[in-house]
């Protein structure tokens, strides 16, 4: 993982991202940038995700959600999936916003 757009992160035994509070009904978008080296043809797991948080509605009960990212590698570049335009728009928007200072009021 080379970056987490919009959030500081630390790397060690995995990557840790501290998010601000999330409220009921609210969602967060986390965009990560991965550098993936070539692999043998076939399916390979690229990433294990673990989300841990304290649920305020349940007396601070610890919630642990897990998922994995697996993809299929091929020797034929034309067989890959089409680019996801919605993801590309989010990435470009975050990169644009990160490079510019926030202006709340026009001068």
N, C-alpha and C. Protein backbone atom coordinates (compact mmCIF):
# COMPACT_ATOMS: atom_id res chain seq x y z
N UNK A 1 0.86 -1.16 0.00
CA UNK A 1 0.00 0.00 0.00
C UNK A 1 0.91 1.22 0.00
N UNK A 2 0.67 2.11 -0.94
CA UNK A 2 1.52 3.29 -1.03
C UNK A 2 0.89 4.53 -0.42
N UNK A 3 -0.45 4.59 -0.40
CA UNK A 3 -1.08 5.75 0.22
C UNK A 3 -2.53 5.44 0.58
N UNK A 4 -3.04 6.23 1.51
CA UNK A 4 -4.45 6.24 1.86
C UNK A 4 -4.88 7.68 1.63
N UNK A 5 -5.66 7.92 0.61
CA UNK A 5 -5.98 9.28 0.22
C UNK A 5 -6.90 9.95 1.25
N UNK A 6 -6.44 11.06 1.80
CA UNK A 6 -7.24 11.83 2.74
C UNK A 6 -7.08 11.47 4.20
N UNK A 7 -6.29 10.44 4.50
CA UNK A 7 -6.12 10.02 5.90
C UNK A 7 -4.65 9.68 6.16
N UNK A 8 -4.13 10.10 7.31
CA UNK A 8 -2.79 9.64 7.67
C UNK A 8 -2.85 8.16 8.02
N UNK A 9 -1.77 7.45 7.77
CA UNK A 9 -1.74 6.03 8.12
C UNK A 9 -0.34 5.67 8.57
N UNK A 10 -0.25 4.58 9.31
CA UNK A 10 1.04 4.08 9.76
C UNK A 10 1.18 2.64 9.30
N UNK A 11 2.40 2.29 8.94
CA UNK A 11 2.68 0.93 8.48
C UNK A 11 3.62 0.26 9.46
N UNK A 12 3.42 -0.97 9.66
CA UNK A 12 4.26 -1.78 10.54
C UNK A 12 3.94 -3.22 10.19
N UNK A 13 3.34 -3.91 11.12
CA UNK A 13 2.83 -5.24 10.84
C UNK A 13 1.42 -5.04 10.28
N UNK A 14 1.34 -4.57 9.04
CA UNK A 14 0.08 -4.18 8.41
C UNK A 14 0.01 -2.66 8.37
N UNK A 15 -1.14 -2.15 8.02
CA UNK A 15 -1.36 -0.71 7.93
C UNK A 15 -2.51 -0.34 8.85
N UNK A 16 -2.34 0.73 9.60
CA UNK A 16 -3.37 1.19 10.52
C UNK A 16 -3.82 2.58 10.11
N UNK A 17 -5.14 2.76 10.02
CA UNK A 17 -5.72 4.06 9.67
C UNK A 17 -6.66 4.45 10.79
N UNK A 18 -6.44 5.61 11.41
CA UNK A 18 -7.34 6.11 12.44
C UNK A 18 -8.33 7.06 11.79
N UNK A 19 -9.61 6.70 11.88
CA UNK A 19 -10.66 7.52 11.28
C UNK A 19 -11.32 8.38 12.35
N UNK A 20 -11.87 9.53 11.94
CA UNK A 20 -12.63 10.33 12.90
C UNK A 20 -13.94 9.59 13.24
N UNK A 21 -14.66 10.11 14.23
CA UNK A 21 -15.92 9.49 14.64
C UNK A 21 -16.86 9.31 13.44
N UNK A 22 -17.57 8.20 13.46
CA UNK A 22 -18.58 7.92 12.45
C UNK A 22 -19.91 7.82 13.19
N UNK A 23 -20.90 8.55 12.71
CA UNK A 23 -22.19 8.61 13.38
C UNK A 23 -23.21 7.73 12.67
N UNK A 24 -24.27 7.38 13.36
CA UNK A 24 -25.32 6.52 12.82
C UNK A 24 -25.82 7.07 11.48
N UNK A 25 -25.85 6.22 10.48
CA UNK A 25 -26.32 6.62 9.16
C UNK A 25 -25.25 7.27 8.29
N UNK A 26 -24.10 7.54 8.84
CA UNK A 26 -23.02 8.19 8.09
C UNK A 26 -22.15 7.12 7.44
N UNK A 27 -21.57 7.45 6.31
CA UNK A 27 -20.63 6.53 5.67
C UNK A 27 -19.32 7.26 5.38
N UNK A 28 -18.26 6.51 5.27
CA UNK A 28 -16.92 7.05 4.96
C UNK A 28 -16.39 6.32 3.73
N UNK A 29 -15.68 7.03 2.91
CA UNK A 29 -15.01 6.42 1.76
C UNK A 29 -13.52 6.41 2.06
N UNK A 30 -12.92 5.25 1.96
CA UNK A 30 -11.48 5.12 2.18
C UNK A 30 -10.87 4.63 0.88
N UNK A 31 -10.04 5.48 0.28
CA UNK A 31 -9.37 5.11 -0.96
C UNK A 31 -7.92 4.77 -0.66
N UNK A 32 -7.52 3.57 -1.01
CA UNK A 32 -6.14 3.15 -0.82
C UNK A 32 -5.51 2.92 -2.18
N UNK A 33 -4.24 3.20 -2.25
CA UNK A 33 -3.48 2.98 -3.48
C UNK A 33 -2.54 1.81 -3.25
N UNK A 34 -2.64 0.82 -4.10
CA UNK A 34 -1.82 -0.38 -3.99
C UNK A 34 -0.85 -0.45 -5.16
N UNK A 35 0.34 -0.92 -4.90
CA UNK A 35 1.28 -1.28 -5.96
C UNK A 35 1.32 -2.80 -5.96
N UNK A 36 0.92 -3.38 -7.07
CA UNK A 36 0.80 -4.83 -7.15
C UNK A 36 1.83 -5.36 -8.15
N UNK A 37 2.71 -6.19 -7.66
CA UNK A 37 3.73 -6.76 -8.54
C UNK A 37 3.12 -7.90 -9.35
N UNK A 38 3.71 -8.20 -10.50
CA UNK A 38 3.20 -9.30 -11.33
C UNK A 38 3.19 -10.62 -10.55
N UNK A 39 2.20 -11.43 -10.84
CA UNK A 39 2.04 -12.73 -10.19
C UNK A 39 1.84 -13.80 -11.26
N UNK A 40 1.93 -15.03 -10.81
CA UNK A 40 1.62 -16.13 -11.72
C UNK A 40 0.14 -16.08 -12.08
N UNK A 41 -0.20 -16.60 -13.22
CA UNK A 41 -1.59 -16.63 -13.65
C UNK A 41 -2.44 -17.38 -12.63
N UNK A 42 -3.63 -16.87 -12.36
CA UNK A 42 -4.53 -17.49 -11.40
C UNK A 42 -5.03 -16.49 -10.37
N UNK A 43 -5.77 -16.97 -9.39
CA UNK A 43 -6.32 -16.11 -8.33
C UNK A 43 -5.33 -15.97 -7.19
N UNK A 44 -5.22 -14.73 -6.70
CA UNK A 44 -4.31 -14.44 -5.59
C UNK A 44 -4.98 -13.45 -4.64
N UNK A 45 -4.82 -13.70 -3.34
CA UNK A 45 -5.30 -12.75 -2.34
C UNK A 45 -4.32 -11.59 -2.27
N UNK A 46 -4.85 -10.38 -2.33
CA UNK A 46 -4.00 -9.19 -2.29
C UNK A 46 -4.04 -8.47 -0.96
N UNK A 47 -5.14 -8.59 -0.24
CA UNK A 47 -5.33 -7.73 0.91
C UNK A 47 -6.33 -8.35 1.87
N UNK A 48 -6.03 -8.28 3.16
CA UNK A 48 -6.98 -8.63 4.22
C UNK A 48 -7.36 -7.34 4.92
N UNK A 49 -8.65 -7.10 5.07
CA UNK A 49 -9.14 -5.89 5.72
C UNK A 49 -9.77 -6.25 7.06
N UNK A 50 -9.47 -5.44 8.07
CA UNK A 50 -10.08 -5.61 9.38
C UNK A 50 -10.53 -4.22 9.84
N UNK A 51 -11.80 -4.11 10.17
CA UNK A 51 -12.35 -2.87 10.70
C UNK A 51 -12.78 -3.13 12.13
N UNK A 52 -12.21 -2.36 13.05
CA UNK A 52 -12.57 -2.50 14.46
C UNK A 52 -13.07 -1.15 14.97
N UNK A 53 -14.17 -1.20 15.69
CA UNK A 53 -14.69 0.04 16.29
C UNK A 53 -15.51 -0.29 17.52
N UNK A 54 -15.69 0.72 18.35
CA UNK A 54 -16.51 0.58 19.55
C UNK A 54 -17.91 1.10 19.23
N UNK A 55 -18.91 0.25 19.41
CA UNK A 55 -20.30 0.61 19.10
C UNK A 55 -20.91 1.35 20.29
N UNK A 56 -21.14 2.63 20.13
CA UNK A 56 -21.68 3.47 21.20
C UNK A 56 -23.09 3.04 21.60
N UNK A 57 -23.83 2.45 20.67
CA UNK A 57 -25.21 2.04 20.96
C UNK A 57 -25.25 0.77 21.82
N UNK A 58 -24.14 0.05 21.87
CA UNK A 58 -24.08 -1.22 22.60
C UNK A 58 -23.07 -1.17 23.75
N UNK A 59 -23.04 -0.06 24.49
CA UNK A 59 -22.14 0.08 25.65
C UNK A 59 -20.67 -0.10 25.28
N UNK A 60 -20.27 0.47 24.17
CA UNK A 60 -18.89 0.42 23.69
C UNK A 60 -18.41 -1.00 23.35
N UNK A 61 -19.31 -1.86 22.94
CA UNK A 61 -18.94 -3.21 22.54
C UNK A 61 -18.02 -3.14 21.32
N UNK A 62 -16.95 -3.91 21.36
CA UNK A 62 -16.00 -3.92 20.25
C UNK A 62 -16.58 -4.73 19.09
N UNK A 63 -16.62 -4.11 17.91
CA UNK A 63 -17.10 -4.76 16.69
C UNK A 63 -15.90 -5.01 15.80
N UNK A 64 -15.83 -6.18 15.23
CA UNK A 64 -14.70 -6.56 14.37
C UNK A 64 -15.27 -7.12 13.07
N UNK A 65 -15.06 -6.41 11.96
CA UNK A 65 -15.51 -6.85 10.64
C UNK A 65 -14.28 -7.17 9.80
N UNK A 66 -14.35 -8.25 9.01
CA UNK A 66 -13.21 -8.67 8.20
C UNK A 66 -13.63 -8.98 6.78
N UNK A 67 -12.74 -8.70 5.84
CA UNK A 67 -12.97 -9.02 4.43
C UNK A 67 -11.61 -9.21 3.75
N UNK A 68 -11.62 -9.86 2.61
CA UNK A 68 -10.39 -10.06 1.83
C UNK A 68 -10.61 -9.57 0.41
N UNK A 69 -9.53 -9.15 -0.21
CA UNK A 69 -9.55 -8.76 -1.62
C UNK A 69 -8.74 -9.77 -2.39
N UNK A 70 -9.39 -10.43 -3.33
CA UNK A 70 -8.73 -11.41 -4.17
C UNK A 70 -8.96 -11.02 -5.62
N UNK A 71 -7.98 -11.23 -6.47
CA UNK A 71 -8.14 -10.92 -7.88
C UNK A 71 -7.53 -12.01 -8.73
N UNK A 72 -7.91 -12.02 -9.98
CA UNK A 72 -7.44 -13.02 -10.92
C UNK A 72 -6.38 -12.39 -11.82
N UNK A 73 -5.21 -13.03 -11.89
CA UNK A 73 -4.13 -12.56 -12.75
C UNK A 73 -4.12 -13.38 -14.03
N UNK A 74 -3.78 -12.72 -15.12
CA UNK A 74 -3.73 -13.39 -16.41
C UNK A 74 -2.48 -12.94 -17.16
N UNK A 75 -2.07 -13.73 -18.12
CA UNK A 75 -0.92 -13.37 -18.95
C UNK A 75 -1.33 -12.53 -20.16
N UNK A 76 -2.61 -12.23 -20.28
CA UNK A 76 -3.13 -11.50 -21.43
C UNK A 76 -3.73 -10.18 -20.97
N UNK A 77 -3.02 -9.08 -21.20
CA UNK A 77 -3.46 -7.78 -20.67
C UNK A 77 -4.87 -7.37 -21.09
N UNK A 78 -5.30 -7.74 -22.27
CA UNK A 78 -6.63 -7.35 -22.75
C UNK A 78 -7.77 -8.02 -22.01
N UNK A 79 -7.49 -9.03 -21.19
CA UNK A 79 -8.53 -9.76 -20.48
C UNK A 79 -8.92 -9.11 -19.15
N UNK A 80 -8.24 -8.08 -18.74
CA UNK A 80 -8.52 -7.45 -17.45
C UNK A 80 -9.84 -6.72 -17.46
N UNK A 81 -10.36 -6.40 -16.28
CA UNK A 81 -11.64 -5.67 -16.19
C UNK A 81 -11.49 -4.24 -16.68
N UNK A 82 -12.59 -3.67 -17.11
CA UNK A 82 -12.59 -2.27 -17.54
C UNK A 82 -12.35 -1.39 -16.32
N UNK A 83 -11.78 -0.22 -16.54
CA UNK A 83 -11.55 0.71 -15.43
C UNK A 83 -12.88 1.15 -14.85
N UNK A 84 -12.95 1.29 -13.55
CA UNK A 84 -14.15 1.74 -12.87
C UNK A 84 -14.13 3.26 -12.81
N UNK A 85 -14.94 3.89 -13.65
CA UNK A 85 -14.94 5.34 -13.79
C UNK A 85 -15.31 6.02 -12.47
N UNK A 86 -16.25 5.45 -11.71
CA UNK A 86 -16.66 6.05 -10.44
C UNK A 86 -15.49 6.10 -9.46
N UNK A 87 -14.71 5.04 -9.38
CA UNK A 87 -13.54 5.01 -8.50
C UNK A 87 -12.51 6.03 -8.97
N UNK A 88 -12.26 6.09 -10.27
CA UNK A 88 -11.29 7.05 -10.81
C UNK A 88 -11.70 8.48 -10.49
N UNK A 89 -12.99 8.80 -10.56
CA UNK A 89 -13.47 10.15 -10.23
C UNK A 89 -13.18 10.47 -8.76
N UNK A 90 -13.43 9.53 -7.85
CA UNK A 90 -13.15 9.76 -6.43
C UNK A 90 -11.66 9.97 -6.19
N UNK A 91 -10.83 9.19 -6.82
CA UNK A 91 -9.38 9.31 -6.66
C UNK A 91 -8.91 10.68 -7.12
N UNK A 92 -9.34 11.10 -8.30
CA UNK A 92 -8.90 12.40 -8.82
C UNK A 92 -9.43 13.54 -7.96
N UNK A 93 -10.65 13.43 -7.46
CA UNK A 93 -11.19 14.47 -6.59
C UNK A 93 -10.39 14.58 -5.30
N UNK A 94 -10.09 13.46 -4.66
CA UNK A 94 -9.30 13.48 -3.43
C UNK A 94 -7.91 14.06 -3.68
N UNK A 95 -7.27 13.64 -4.75
CA UNK A 95 -5.93 14.17 -5.06
C UNK A 95 -5.98 15.68 -5.28
N UNK A 96 -7.00 16.16 -5.95
CA UNK A 96 -7.16 17.59 -6.19
C UNK A 96 -7.34 18.34 -4.86
N UNK A 97 -8.21 17.82 -4.00
CA UNK A 97 -8.50 18.49 -2.74
C UNK A 97 -7.30 18.48 -1.78
N UNK A 98 -6.54 17.41 -1.78
CA UNK A 98 -5.38 17.30 -0.90
C UNK A 98 -4.30 18.32 -1.26
N UNK A 99 -4.20 18.64 -2.54
CA UNK A 99 -3.14 19.54 -3.00
C UNK A 99 -3.47 21.01 -2.81
N UNK A 100 -4.70 21.35 -2.46
CA UNK A 100 -5.10 22.73 -2.34
C UNK A 100 -5.55 23.03 -0.93
N UNK A 101 -5.22 24.22 -0.41
CA UNK A 101 -5.68 24.58 0.94
C UNK A 101 -7.19 24.80 0.93
N UNK A 102 -7.82 24.47 2.04
CA UNK A 102 -9.26 24.64 2.18
C UNK A 102 -9.59 26.11 2.34
N UNK A 103 -10.51 26.63 1.51
CA UNK A 103 -10.94 28.02 1.61
C UNK A 103 -12.44 28.02 1.94
N UNK A 104 -12.77 28.43 3.15
CA UNK A 104 -14.16 28.45 3.56
C UNK A 104 -14.88 29.69 3.07
N UNK A 105 -14.17 30.80 2.95
CA UNK A 105 -14.78 32.03 2.51
C UNK A 105 -13.95 32.61 1.37
N UNK A 106 -14.59 33.02 0.28
CA UNK A 106 -13.82 33.64 -0.81
C UNK A 106 -13.22 34.96 -0.37
N UNK A 107 -12.08 35.27 -0.92
CA UNK A 107 -11.40 36.52 -0.55
C UNK A 107 -11.80 37.64 -1.46
